[in-house]
């Protein structure tokens, strides 16, 4: 018995040591590569002022070049990054072409520089995962070890882009399978996330954290709790709008009988037209709007239109559908804070910054099926005081969104209602969702009862009418 115990503890010790070393190396490497990406992107955005015309007029050409670069050098670099990494983990044990790293970097910088509505976290995750895959292949790791290291790459990329190492680690192990957290990768993901975050900070990356100056006691403020519950329901429907908008955009564009280069130019031209009509606040990362909406002073968001979340969804859907490169999570943050702003206007309540912050994380939880990462991100970005409200809102949003996601390669391992029949174990794109047979039977019984009741009411009315005629 003692011998078995010693053997077990020794094996675990060597395993933990192995992954501490490997994930630390991977985290530092990814932190450095993502820092390079973020610095180049920052320089590109700052150079816009050098033009004698509005930068977004370059969108048709930039999207054309993006499609050309991706199609020519690394087709797997298309889209918003994280989706392709999830697909590689599930279908190829995390094997990612090394060409994805430079191609994704250049394509994303081109897209965002010209004003394409996309984020930087998806490319960060894909670049990180690509670097981890390259290191795994270089050292001839097994398929399972490579898969683990690539998951660490997602966590490290996410953590170093947003400055949220714990949320980044959880996101990497939560986003792959809906309803399952991969505990065997949890430790290396945490270490890789912290290493990447620390490296990026050391190399000069500065992160934005928001002080919304809010504190309330859950136990004493029942009206606010009820308002948060209502907000969670609202954010769930907003998440569904985001998922549906992005999905419809991809389906519509795929049916256009034109060459991808022409589609890219047409999409860029459409974005220019929409910008001339609605303004340029829906282009690019949209970080200024996010900061203004999260500001406790309502003056900064007083000019925000109620339909801002719809336009950001439209701009993002067009950008990604026609071949633009970039992430989808930063646009989701934009949609979240602006929909939180709208919720307060509709509810006629207070705490504008609080509900903007709740929208920030709740729409993320709903549209990506990562409620735990969203809760932790709320604490890392906004402070501990928001934790209980963020947990409530994020979980409700996650459930209300249903069995849908912006990441169609996620595997569905749970059903969100006992009333539904759900085919688990499939990618979410192919998951079958319908009412349970017993629920269908109940609905039929209710319909039958309603039908019989109507018939009896008709008979009674007909009888009363007949008796009145006889009396007359």
Protein backbone atom coordinates (compact mmCIF):
# COMPACT_ATOMS: atom_id res chain seq x y z
CA UNK A 1 0.00 0.00 0.00
CA UNK A 2 2.77 2.43 0.94
CA UNK A 3 4.69 1.53 -2.20
CA UNK A 4 1.68 2.33 -4.40
CA UNK A 5 1.19 5.61 -2.58
CA UNK A 6 4.84 6.62 -3.09
CA UNK A 7 4.68 5.60 -6.75
CA UNK A 8 1.55 7.69 -7.27
CA UNK A 9 2.97 10.78 -5.56
CA UNK A 10 6.29 10.49 -7.42
CA UNK A 11 4.54 10.24 -10.79
CA UNK A 12 2.33 13.24 -9.99
CA UNK A 13 5.36 15.24 -8.82
CA UNK A 14 7.24 14.64 -12.08
CA UNK A 15 4.12 15.40 -14.12
CA UNK A 16 3.50 18.68 -12.29
CA UNK A 17 7.18 19.66 -12.63
CA UNK A 18 7.11 18.88 -16.34
CA UNK A 19 4.07 21.07 -16.98
CA UNK A 20 5.27 23.90 -14.77
CA UNK A 21 8.46 24.12 -16.83
CA UNK A 22 6.77 23.65 -20.24
CA UNK A 23 3.90 26.06 -19.62
CA UNK A 24 6.29 28.69 -18.23
CA UNK A 25 8.43 28.51 -21.37
CA UNK A 26 5.37 28.62 -23.61
CA UNK A 27 3.88 31.52 -21.65
CA UNK A 28 7.03 33.63 -21.91
CA UNK A 29 7.36 32.88 -25.64
CA UNK A 30 3.72 33.72 -26.34
CA UNK A 31 3.87 36.85 -24.19
CA UNK A 32 6.79 38.09 -26.31
CA UNK A 33 5.13 37.24 -29.65
CA UNK A 34 1.77 38.76 -28.66
CA UNK A 35 3.59 41.87 -27.41
CA UNK A 36 5.13 42.24 -30.87
CA UNK A 37 1.67 41.89 -32.42
CA UNK A 38 0.13 44.48 -30.06
CA UNK A 39 2.98 46.95 -30.61
CA UNK A 40 2.70 46.68 -34.41
CA UNK A 41 -1.08 47.12 -34.15
CA UNK A 42 -0.64 50.19 -31.95
CA UNK A 43 1.83 51.74 -34.42
CA UNK A 44 -0.54 51.00 -37.30
CA UNK A 45 -3.48 52.68 -35.54
CA UNK A 46 -1.39 55.73 -34.62
CA UNK A 47 -0.21 56.12 -38.24
CA UNK A 48 -3.76 56.78 -39.46
CA UNK A 49 -3.35 60.47 -38.76
CA UNK A 50 -0.66 60.69 -41.46
CA UNK A 51 -3.23 60.38 -44.24
CA UNK A 52 -4.76 63.43 -45.88
CA UNK A 53 -8.07 61.53 -46.12
CA UNK A 54 -10.15 59.41 -43.76
CA UNK A 55 -8.40 56.10 -43.06
CA UNK A 56 -11.53 53.99 -43.57
CA UNK A 57 -11.51 54.75 -47.31
CA UNK A 58 -8.77 52.12 -47.44
CA UNK A 59 -11.17 49.37 -46.32
CA UNK A 60 -11.91 47.88 -49.77
CA UNK A 61 -8.19 47.58 -50.60
CA UNK A 62 -7.22 46.40 -47.10
CA UNK A 63 -9.84 43.63 -47.09
CA UNK A 64 -8.81 42.59 -50.59
CA UNK A 65 -5.17 42.34 -49.46
CA UNK A 66 -6.21 40.45 -46.32
CA UNK A 67 -8.11 37.83 -48.33
CA UNK A 68 -5.21 37.51 -50.78
CA UNK A 69 -2.60 37.03 -48.02
CA UNK A 70 -4.67 34.48 -46.11
CA UNK A 71 -5.75 32.46 -49.17
CA UNK A 72 -2.21 32.43 -50.56
CA UNK A 73 -0.07 31.69 -47.52
CA UNK A 74 -2.24 30.20 -44.72
CA UNK A 75 -5.93 29.42 -45.37
CA UNK A 76 -6.34 28.31 -41.74
CA UNK A 77 -5.67 31.90 -40.64
CA UNK A 78 -9.06 33.08 -41.94
CA UNK A 79 -11.86 34.23 -39.68
CA UNK A 80 -11.65 35.35 -36.08
CA UNK A 81 -8.86 33.09 -34.85
CA UNK A 82 -10.24 31.32 -31.79
CA UNK A 83 -12.69 29.32 -33.90
CA UNK A 84 -9.85 27.84 -35.97
CA UNK A 85 -7.87 26.95 -32.85
CA UNK A 86 -10.86 25.12 -31.34
CA UNK A 87 -11.28 23.25 -34.62
CA UNK A 88 -7.57 22.31 -34.67
CA UNK A 89 -7.73 20.99 -31.09
CA UNK A 90 -10.81 18.83 -31.72
CA UNK A 91 -9.89 17.56 -35.19
CA UNK A 92 -6.07 17.62 -35.42
CA UNK A 93 -4.89 17.29 -31.79
CA UNK A 94 -3.79 20.93 -31.89
CA UNK A 95 -1.60 20.72 -34.99
CA UNK A 96 -1.39 24.25 -36.43
CA UNK A 97 0.67 25.39 -39.40
CA UNK A 98 3.48 27.73 -38.30
CA UNK A 99 2.65 30.02 -41.24
CA UNK A 100 -0.53 31.00 -39.37
CA UNK A 101 1.49 33.19 -36.96
CA UNK A 102 2.94 35.78 -39.40
CA UNK A 103 -0.08 35.61 -41.72
CA UNK A 104 -2.58 36.16 -38.90
CA UNK A 105 -0.50 39.01 -37.54
CA UNK A 106 -0.24 40.85 -40.86
CA UNK A 107 -3.85 40.17 -41.89
CA UNK A 108 -5.26 41.39 -38.58
CA UNK A 109 -3.14 44.53 -38.53
CA UNK A 110 -4.30 45.32 -42.08
CA UNK A 111 -7.95 44.79 -41.20
CA UNK A 112 -8.02 46.83 -37.99
CA UNK A 113 -5.70 49.54 -39.36
CA UNK A 114 -8.19 50.27 -42.16
CA UNK A 115 -11.14 50.24 -39.75
CA UNK A 116 -12.45 46.70 -40.00
CA UNK A 117 -14.67 45.93 -37.02
CA UNK A 118 -12.74 43.12 -35.35
CA UNK A 119 -10.78 42.39 -32.19
CA UNK A 120 -7.24 41.50 -31.24
CA UNK A 121 -7.87 38.62 -28.81
CA UNK A 122 -8.71 35.98 -31.48
CA UNK A 123 -5.47 36.58 -33.36
CA UNK A 124 -3.67 36.67 -30.00
CA UNK A 125 -5.09 33.25 -29.14
CA UNK A 126 -4.34 31.85 -32.60
CA UNK A 127 -0.80 33.24 -32.61
CA UNK A 128 -0.24 31.80 -29.12
CA UNK A 129 -1.69 28.43 -30.07
CA UNK A 130 0.39 28.37 -33.27
CA UNK A 131 3.57 29.06 -31.31
CA UNK A 132 2.71 26.28 -28.83
CA UNK A 133 2.00 23.85 -31.67
CA UNK A 134 5.31 24.72 -33.34
CA UNK A 135 7.24 24.13 -30.11
CA UNK A 136 5.43 20.81 -29.58
CA UNK A 137 6.31 19.61 -33.07
CA UNK A 138 9.91 20.81 -32.68
CA UNK A 139 10.32 18.80 -29.48
CA UNK A 140 8.35 15.86 -30.96
CA UNK A 141 5.72 15.78 -28.23
CA UNK A 142 2.89 13.25 -28.30
CA UNK A 143 -0.48 14.28 -29.73
CA UNK A 144 -2.00 14.58 -26.25
CA UNK A 145 0.85 16.74 -24.94
CA UNK A 146 0.67 18.94 -28.02
CA UNK A 147 -3.06 19.36 -27.50
CA UNK A 148 -2.51 20.43 -23.89
CA UNK A 149 0.20 22.88 -24.85
CA UNK A 150 -1.98 24.43 -27.57
CA UNK A 151 -4.76 24.95 -25.00
CA UNK A 152 -2.14 26.73 -22.88
CA UNK A 153 -1.45 28.84 -25.98
CA UNK A 154 -5.10 29.99 -26.06
CA UNK A 155 -4.96 30.94 -22.38
CA UNK A 156 -1.64 32.75 -22.74
CA UNK A 157 -2.78 34.64 -25.81
CA UNK A 158 -6.03 35.74 -24.18
CA UNK A 159 -4.30 36.72 -20.92
CA UNK A 160 -1.59 38.77 -22.63
CA UNK A 161 -4.07 40.65 -24.84
CA UNK A 162 -6.51 41.68 -22.10
CA UNK A 163 -4.35 41.60 -18.99
CA UNK A 164 -6.59 39.04 -17.27
CA UNK A 165 -4.40 36.00 -16.51
CA UNK A 166 -6.95 34.06 -14.43
CA UNK A 167 -9.85 34.66 -16.82
CA UNK A 168 -7.52 33.85 -19.72
CA UNK A 169 -6.59 30.51 -18.16
CA UNK A 170 -10.21 29.58 -17.48
CA UNK A 171 -11.30 30.72 -20.95
CA UNK A 172 -8.77 28.38 -22.58
CA UNK A 173 -10.10 25.31 -20.76
CA UNK A 174 -13.79 26.32 -20.81
CA UNK A 175 -14.29 27.42 -24.41
CA UNK A 176 -13.57 24.03 -26.01
CA UNK A 177 -16.46 21.96 -24.66
CA UNK A 178 -19.72 23.51 -23.45
CA UNK A 179 -20.44 22.21 -19.98
CA UNK A 180 -17.01 20.71 -19.31
CA UNK A 181 -13.84 22.23 -17.86
CA UNK A 182 -10.63 20.38 -18.71
CA UNK A 183 -9.13 20.11 -15.23
CA UNK A 184 -6.05 18.24 -16.46
CA UNK A 185 -4.98 21.39 -18.34
CA UNK A 186 -5.94 23.84 -15.60
CA UNK A 187 -2.53 24.14 -13.91
CA UNK A 188 -0.48 24.60 -17.12
CA UNK A 189 -3.08 27.06 -18.41
CA UNK A 190 -2.80 29.17 -15.25
CA UNK A 191 0.99 29.17 -15.41
CA UNK A 192 1.06 29.95 -19.13
CA UNK A 193 -1.44 32.79 -18.64
CA UNK A 194 0.53 34.36 -15.77
CA UNK A 195 3.84 33.95 -17.62
CA UNK A 196 2.48 35.54 -20.79
CA UNK A 197 0.80 38.40 -18.89
CA UNK A 198 3.95 39.12 -16.86
CA UNK A 199 6.14 39.00 -19.98
CA UNK A 200 3.87 41.39 -21.86
CA UNK A 201 3.88 43.81 -18.92
CA UNK A 202 7.67 43.59 -18.66
CA UNK A 203 7.95 44.41 -22.38
CA UNK A 204 5.86 47.53 -22.02
CA UNK A 205 2.24 46.56 -22.61
CA UNK A 206 -0.13 48.64 -20.49
CA UNK A 207 -3.58 47.33 -19.61
CA UNK A 208 -6.80 49.18 -18.83
CA UNK A 209 -8.70 48.34 -15.67
CA UNK A 210 -11.96 50.09 -14.84
CA UNK A 211 -12.86 51.62 -11.49
CA UNK A 212 -16.63 51.88 -11.61
CA UNK A 213 -16.73 52.99 -7.95
CA UNK A 214 -19.65 50.80 -7.06
CA UNK A 215 -20.54 48.90 -3.93
CA UNK A 216 -23.88 47.46 -2.78
CA UNK A 217 -24.81 44.70 -0.36
CA UNK A 218 -26.62 41.82 -2.05
CA UNK A 219 -28.52 40.93 1.09
CA UNK A 220 -29.96 44.42 1.56
CA UNK A 221 -30.70 45.51 -2.00
CA UNK A 222 -33.39 43.17 -3.31
CA UNK A 223 -34.67 45.61 -6.00
CA UNK A 224 -31.18 45.80 -7.52
CA UNK A 225 -30.86 42.00 -7.48
CA UNK A 226 -34.17 41.72 -9.37
CA UNK A 227 -32.93 44.32 -11.83
CA UNK A 228 -29.74 42.30 -12.37
CA UNK A 229 -31.83 39.18 -13.04
CA UNK A 230 -33.82 41.12 -15.65
CA UNK A 231 -30.54 42.38 -17.11
CA UNK A 232 -29.26 38.82 -17.39
CA UNK A 233 -32.35 37.86 -19.40
CA UNK A 234 -31.86 40.93 -21.59
CA UNK A 235 -28.17 40.19 -22.19
CA UNK A 236 -29.06 36.61 -23.12
CA UNK A 237 -31.29 37.87 -25.91
CA UNK A 238 -28.58 40.34 -26.98
CA UNK A 239 -26.09 37.44 -27.12
CA UNK A 240 -28.51 35.58 -29.38
CA UNK A 241 -28.65 38.64 -31.64
CA UNK A 242 -24.85 38.64 -31.90
CA UNK A 243 -24.62 34.92 -32.68
CA UNK A 244 -27.46 35.10 -35.21
CA UNK A 245 -26.08 38.25 -36.85
CA UNK A 246 -22.60 36.79 -37.36
CA UNK A 247 -24.01 33.45 -38.55
CA UNK A 248 -26.43 35.03 -41.02
CA UNK A 249 -23.70 37.28 -42.38
CA UNK A 250 -21.47 34.30 -43.15
CA UNK A 251 -24.32 32.36 -44.76
CA UNK A 252 -25.42 35.29 -46.95
CA UNK A 253 -21.89 36.08 -48.12
CA UNK A 254 -21.19 32.40 -48.92
CA UNK A 255 -24.11 32.47 -51.38
CA UNK A 256 -22.80 35.46 -53.33
CA UNK A 257 -21.67 34.13 -56.75
CA UNK A 258 -18.57 36.34 -57.00
CA UNK A 259 -14.84 35.78 -56.54
CA UNK A 260 -13.71 36.26 -52.89
CA UNK A 261 -11.58 39.24 -53.91
CA UNK A 262 -14.61 41.03 -55.36
CA UNK A 263 -16.68 40.11 -52.30
CA UNK A 264 -13.98 41.60 -50.05
CA UNK A 265 -13.90 44.86 -52.00
CA UNK A 266 -17.70 45.06 -52.07
CA UNK A 267 -17.86 44.43 -48.31
CA UNK A 268 -15.23 47.11 -47.69
CA UNK A 269 -17.17 49.57 -49.85
CA UNK A 270 -20.38 48.79 -47.94
CA UNK A 271 -18.59 49.49 -44.65
CA UNK A 272 -17.40 52.85 -46.01
CA UNK A 273 -20.97 53.77 -46.98
CA UNK A 274 -22.32 52.73 -43.57
CA UNK A 275 -19.57 54.76 -41.88
CA UNK A 276 -20.50 57.87 -43.87
CA UNK A 277 -24.11 57.41 -42.72
CA UNK A 278 -23.67 56.42 -39.06
CA UNK A 279 -20.16 57.60 -38.14
CA UNK A 280 -16.82 55.90 -37.53
CA UNK A 281 -17.40 54.86 -33.89
CA UNK A 282 -18.38 51.38 -35.05
CA UNK A 283 -15.10 50.74 -36.85
CA UNK A 284 -11.97 49.08 -35.50
CA UNK A 285 -11.66 47.94 -31.89
CA UNK A 286 -14.08 50.51 -30.50
CA UNK A 287 -12.13 50.84 -27.24
CA UNK A 288 -12.92 54.53 -26.79
CA UNK A 289 -16.65 53.86 -26.82
CA UNK A 290 -16.17 51.00 -24.34
CA UNK A 291 -14.19 53.26 -21.98
CA UNK A 292 -16.70 56.11 -22.23
CA UNK A 293 -19.67 53.83 -21.56
CA UNK A 294 -17.97 52.31 -18.51
CA UNK A 295 -17.15 55.74 -17.11
CA UNK A 296 -19.19 56.43 -13.92
CA UNK A 297 -19.80 59.96 -15.21
CA UNK A 298 -22.84 59.69 -17.58
CA UNK A 299 -21.60 62.73 -19.50
CA UNK A 300 -19.18 60.57 -21.48
CA UNK A 301 -21.90 58.28 -22.87
CA UNK A 302 -24.73 60.78 -23.24
CA UNK A 303 -24.51 60.80 -27.06
CA UNK A 304 -24.52 57.01 -27.43
CA UNK A 305 -27.50 55.97 -29.62
CA UNK A 306 -29.73 53.14 -28.37
CA UNK A 307 -29.04 51.08 -31.53
CA UNK A 308 -25.23 51.14 -31.11
CA UNK A 309 -25.09 47.41 -30.29
CA UNK A 310 -26.99 46.56 -33.48
CA UNK A 311 -24.68 48.62 -35.68
CA UNK A 312 -21.56 47.15 -34.08
CA UNK A 313 -22.94 43.66 -34.73
CA UNK A 314 -23.65 44.61 -38.35
CA UNK A 315 -20.18 46.13 -38.91
CA UNK A 316 -18.50 43.11 -37.32
CA UNK A 317 -20.58 40.61 -39.27
CA UNK A 318 -19.73 42.30 -42.57
CA UNK A 319 -16.03 42.61 -41.74
CA UNK A 320 -15.56 38.95 -40.80
CA UNK A 321 -17.94 37.53 -43.43
CA UNK A 322 -16.20 39.13 -46.42
CA UNK A 323 -12.75 37.96 -45.34
CA UNK A 324 -11.51 40.42 -42.72
CA UNK A 325 -9.15 39.03 -40.10
CA UNK A 326 -9.52 39.64 -36.40
CA UNK A 327 -11.20 38.50 -33.23
CA UNK A 328 -14.84 38.68 -32.28
CA UNK A 329 -14.58 39.10 -28.52
CA UNK A 330 -13.65 42.80 -28.49
CA UNK A 331 -16.73 43.60 -30.63
CA UNK A 332 -18.73 41.46 -28.17
CA UNK A 333 -17.45 43.70 -25.34
CA UNK A 334 -18.61 46.74 -27.32
CA UNK A 335 -22.04 45.18 -27.84
CA UNK A 336 -22.18 44.26 -24.16
CA UNK A 337 -21.45 47.70 -22.71
CA UNK A 338 -23.72 49.51 -25.17
CA UNK A 339 -26.59 47.08 -24.54
CA UNK A 340 -26.05 47.59 -20.78
CA UNK A 341 -26.38 51.32 -21.40
CA UNK A 342 -29.63 50.66 -23.29
CA UNK A 343 -30.98 48.44 -20.50
CA UNK A 344 -30.61 51.22 -17.94
CA UNK A 345 -32.41 53.64 -20.27
CA UNK A 346 -35.26 51.18 -20.74
CA UNK A 347 -35.49 50.27 -17.05
CA UNK A 348 -35.25 53.89 -15.96
CA UNK A 349 -32.79 52.91 -13.26
CA UNK A 350 -29.44 54.04 -11.99
CA UNK A 351 -25.97 52.45 -11.92
CA UNK A 352 -25.18 53.04 -15.60
CA UNK A 353 -21.55 51.92 -15.21
CA UNK A 354 -22.56 48.80 -13.29
CA UNK A 355 -24.94 47.55 -15.98
CA UNK A 356 -22.49 48.45 -18.73
CA UNK A 357 -19.91 46.30 -16.91
CA UNK A 358 -22.44 43.49 -16.48
CA UNK A 359 -23.22 43.67 -20.20
CA UNK A 360 -19.48 43.53 -20.92
CA UNK A 361 -19.11 40.10 -19.29
CA UNK A 362 -22.65 38.72 -19.69
CA UNK A 363 -22.79 39.00 -23.48
CA UNK A 364 -19.36 37.33 -23.53
CA UNK A 365 -20.74 34.50 -21.36
CA UNK A 366 -23.79 34.04 -23.57
CA UNK A 367 -22.27 34.29 -27.03
CA UNK A 368 -19.18 32.16 -26.27
CA UNK A 369 -20.61 29.80 -23.59
CA UNK A 370 -17.91 30.73 -21.06
CA UNK A 371 -19.77 31.94 -17.94
CA UNK A 372 -17.00 31.10 -15.43
CA UNK A 373 -14.31 32.95 -17.41
CA UNK A 374 -16.72 35.88 -17.73
CA UNK A 375 -17.31 36.04 -13.96
CA UNK A 376 -13.60 35.99 -13.22
CA UNK A 377 -12.93 38.62 -15.88
CA UNK A 378 -15.49 40.87 -14.17
CA UNK A 379 -13.48 40.69 -10.94
CA UNK A 380 -10.13 41.21 -12.69
CA UNK A 381 -11.33 44.21 -14.71
CA UNK A 382 -13.90 45.86 -12.45
CA UNK A 383 -13.11 44.80 -8.90
CA UNK A 384 -14.38 42.30 -6.34
CA UNK A 385 -17.52 44.31 -5.48
CA UNK A 386 -19.15 43.38 -8.79
CA UNK A 387 -18.57 39.63 -8.42
CA UNK A 388 -21.97 38.53 -7.09
CA UNK A 389 -23.92 40.58 -9.63
CA UNK A 390 -21.68 39.47 -12.50
CA UNK A 391 -22.11 35.81 -11.54
CA UNK A 392 -25.90 36.11 -11.53
CA UNK A 393 -26.13 38.03 -14.80
CA UNK A 394 -23.52 35.96 -16.67
CA UNK A 395 -25.08 32.58 -15.83
CA UNK A 396 -28.58 33.73 -16.80
CA UNK A 397 -27.26 35.13 -20.08
CA UNK A 398 -25.39 31.88 -20.75
CA UNK A 399 -28.59 29.86 -20.31
CA UNK A 400 -30.92 32.20 -22.20
CA UNK A 401 -28.69 32.27 -25.30
CA UNK A 402 -29.48 28.59 -25.80
CA UNK A 403 -27.41 26.01 -27.64
CA UNK A 404 -25.73 28.52 -29.93
CA UNK A 405 -22.30 30.15 -30.10
CA UNK A 406 -20.08 32.39 -32.18
CA UNK A 407 -17.63 29.46 -32.08
CA UNK A 408 -19.33 26.77 -34.15
CA UNK A 409 -16.58 24.20 -33.45
CA UNK A 410 -17.39 24.04 -29.74
CA UNK A 411 -18.55 20.58 -28.64
CA UNK A 412 -21.87 20.47 -26.83
CA UNK A 413 -21.72 18.35 -23.67
CA UNK A 414 -24.81 19.54 -21.79
CA UNK A 415 -28.36 20.69 -22.31
CA UNK A 416 -29.52 23.97 -20.87
CA UNK A 417 -33.07 22.84 -20.10
CA UNK A 418 -34.56 19.52 -18.98
CA UNK A 419 -37.47 20.23 -21.34
CA UNK A 420 -35.22 19.90 -24.39
CA UNK A 421 -33.89 16.92 -26.26
CA UNK A 422 -30.28 17.73 -27.15
CA UNK A 423 -27.76 15.63 -29.03
CA UNK A 424 -24.61 16.03 -26.96
CA UNK A 425 -21.11 15.10 -28.06
CA UNK A 426 -21.42 16.92 -31.39
CA UNK A 427 -20.02 20.26 -32.50
CA UNK A 428 -22.59 22.92 -31.79
CA UNK A 429 -23.17 23.51 -35.50
CA UNK A 430 -24.53 19.96 -35.87
CA UNK A 431 -26.24 19.66 -32.49
CA UNK A 432 -29.88 18.58 -32.70
CA UNK A 433 -32.15 20.53 -30.37
CA UNK A 434 -35.88 19.92 -29.97
CA UNK A 435 -38.49 19.56 -27.27
CA UNK A 436 -38.47 16.35 -25.25
CA UNK A 437 -41.15 13.88 -26.39
CA UNK A 438 -42.93 14.16 -23.06
CA UNK A 439 -42.98 17.95 -23.38
CA UNK A 440 -44.38 17.65 -26.89
CA UNK A 441 -47.08 15.37 -25.42
CA UNK A 442 -47.85 17.92 -22.71
CA UNK A 443 -48.18 20.70 -25.27
CA UNK A 444 -50.50 18.50 -27.35
CA UNK A 445 -52.63 17.81 -24.26
CA UNK A 446 -52.83 21.53 -23.47
CA UNK A 447 -53.83 22.33 -27.06
CA UNK A 448 -56.46 19.58 -26.96
CA UNK A 449 -57.87 20.90 -23.69
CA UNK A 450 -58.03 24.44 -25.09
CA UNK A 451 -59.76 23.11 -28.22
CA UNK A 452 -62.37 21.18 -26.19
CA UNK A 453 -62.99 24.17 -23.94
CA UNK A 454 -63.60 26.41 -26.96
CA UNK A 455 -66.03 23.87 -28.39
CA UNK A 456 -67.96 23.73 -25.09
CA UNK A 457 -68.10 27.53 -24.97
CA UNK A 458 -69.46 27.59 -28.54
CA UNK A 459 -72.08 25.02 -27.61
CA UNK A 460 -73.15 27.04 -24.55
CA UNK A 461 -73.40 30.23 -26.57
CA UNK A 462 -75.37 28.45 -29.29
CA UNK A 463 -77.73 27.03 -26.60
CA UNK A 464 -78.31 30.44 -25.03
CA UNK A 465 -79.03 32.01 -28.44
CA UNK A 466 -81.56 29.23 -29.24
CA UNK A 467 -83.39 29.64 -25.90
CA UNK A 468 -83.66 33.42 -26.43
CA UNK A 469 -85.23 32.85 -29.84
CA UNK A 470 -87.74 30.39 -28.37
CA UNK A 471 -88.69 32.92 -25.67
CA UNK A 472 -89.23 35.61 -28.28
